[in-house]
């Protein structure tokens, strides 16, 4: 099963963002944030420094549209926020849920 990954592009360790469903029963989206400056940060004390990114409303609206397209192709769709500086993931998840409700 393919996992769709949203994260910085252009690095050797970037995962290309291929917005495709490969199993009709399940779609998985991992949102790492888009902070290219910290993607490969050296000497970080913890992962929250690397994934320090707060999606703005325009990005969350765009993601909601993409999630809807994935969800139309799979029986279950899961979205996991991996931006984990303080409460970024929780706030972004709540905002995305609002966008998905329309």
Protein backbone atom coordinates (compact mmCIF):
# COMPACT_ATOMS: atom_id res chain seq x y z
CA UNK A 1 0.00 0.00 0.00
CA UNK A 2 1.26 3.45 -0.95
CA UNK A 3 1.47 6.28 1.60
CA UNK A 4 1.02 9.80 0.27
CA UNK A 5 3.59 12.08 1.90
CA UNK A 6 3.43 15.85 2.08
CA UNK A 7 6.86 17.26 2.88
CA UNK A 8 9.69 19.30 1.41
CA UNK A 9 10.82 18.22 -2.04
CA UNK A 10 14.22 18.29 -3.69
CA UNK A 11 16.27 16.45 -1.07
CA UNK A 12 17.86 13.01 -1.40
CA UNK A 13 15.60 11.81 1.44
CA UNK A 14 12.42 13.47 0.16
CA UNK A 15 9.48 11.22 -0.64
CA UNK A 16 7.80 12.34 -3.86
CA UNK A 17 4.25 13.52 -3.25
CA UNK A 18 2.30 11.05 -5.39
CA UNK A 19 -1.36 11.68 -4.69
CA UNK A 20 -2.61 8.25 -5.70
CA UNK A 21 -4.65 5.50 -4.05
CA UNK A 22 -3.18 2.04 -4.64
CA UNK A 23 -5.59 -0.01 -2.54
CA UNK A 24 -9.37 0.40 -2.74
CA UNK A 25 -9.77 -0.25 0.97
CA UNK A 26 -7.36 2.27 2.43
CA UNK A 27 -5.61 5.58 1.72
CA UNK A 28 -2.98 7.03 4.03
CA UNK A 29 -1.65 10.59 4.03
CA UNK A 30 1.28 11.71 6.22
CA UNK A 31 1.77 15.44 6.61
CA UNK A 32 5.31 16.29 7.69
CA UNK A 33 5.09 20.01 7.01
CA UNK A 34 6.91 21.92 4.30
CA UNK A 35 9.83 23.42 6.23
CA UNK A 36 12.76 22.92 3.84
CA UNK A 37 15.09 24.83 6.19
CA UNK A 38 14.81 22.22 8.93
CA UNK A 39 14.20 19.07 6.88
CA UNK A 40 17.80 17.90 7.24
CA UNK A 41 18.78 19.95 10.27
CA UNK A 42 21.91 18.67 12.02
CA UNK A 43 22.21 18.48 15.78
CA UNK A 44 18.50 18.68 16.54
CA UNK A 45 17.59 17.68 20.08
CA UNK A 46 14.33 16.10 18.96
CA UNK A 47 12.14 15.53 15.90
CA UNK A 48 9.95 18.54 16.63
CA UNK A 49 12.79 20.77 15.47
CA UNK A 50 12.87 18.98 12.12
CA UNK A 51 9.10 18.95 11.61
CA UNK A 52 8.45 22.49 12.83
CA UNK A 53 5.80 23.66 10.41
CA UNK A 54 2.39 25.23 10.83
CA UNK A 55 0.19 24.75 7.75
CA UNK A 56 -1.71 27.93 6.89
CA UNK A 57 -5.39 28.02 5.93
CA UNK A 58 -4.72 28.14 2.19
CA UNK A 59 -2.53 25.02 2.43
CA UNK A 60 -5.10 23.22 4.59
CA UNK A 61 -7.88 24.10 2.13
CA UNK A 62 -5.76 22.70 -0.72
CA UNK A 63 -5.05 19.56 1.33
CA UNK A 64 -8.75 19.13 2.10
CA UNK A 65 -9.51 19.11 -1.63
CA UNK A 66 -6.79 16.50 -2.19
CA UNK A 67 -8.03 14.39 0.74
CA UNK A 68 -11.53 14.42 -0.74
CA UNK A 69 -10.14 13.08 -4.04
CA UNK A 70 -8.30 10.30 -2.21
CA UNK A 71 -11.35 9.48 -0.09
CA UNK A 72 -13.50 9.08 -3.19
CA UNK A 73 -11.23 6.22 -4.25
CA UNK A 74 -10.84 4.32 -0.96
CA UNK A 75 -13.18 2.84 1.62
CA UNK A 76 -11.20 4.47 4.46
CA UNK A 77 -8.84 7.43 4.40
CA UNK A 78 -6.50 8.31 7.26
CA UNK A 79 -4.58 11.58 7.64
CA UNK A 80 -1.66 11.75 10.07
CA UNK A 81 -0.03 15.06 10.97
CA UNK A 82 3.66 14.61 11.73
CA UNK A 83 4.43 18.29 12.23
CA UNK A 84 5.01 18.06 15.94
CA UNK A 85 6.36 21.33 17.33
CA UNK A 86 4.17 22.08 20.35
CA UNK A 87 0.52 21.74 19.24
CA UNK A 88 0.92 22.36 15.51
CA UNK A 89 -0.33 18.91 14.49
CA UNK A 90 -3.40 19.05 16.71
CA UNK A 91 -4.36 22.57 15.62
CA UNK A 92 -3.76 21.77 11.96
CA UNK A 93 -5.81 18.56 12.25
CA UNK A 94 -8.74 20.44 13.79
CA UNK A 95 -8.56 23.09 11.05
CA UNK A 96 -8.34 20.44 8.31
CA UNK A 97 -11.42 18.75 9.77
CA UNK A 98 -13.29 22.05 9.47
CA UNK A 99 -12.23 22.43 5.85
CA UNK A 100 -13.34 18.86 5.13
CA UNK A 101 -16.76 19.57 6.63
CA UNK A 102 -17.04 22.43 4.15
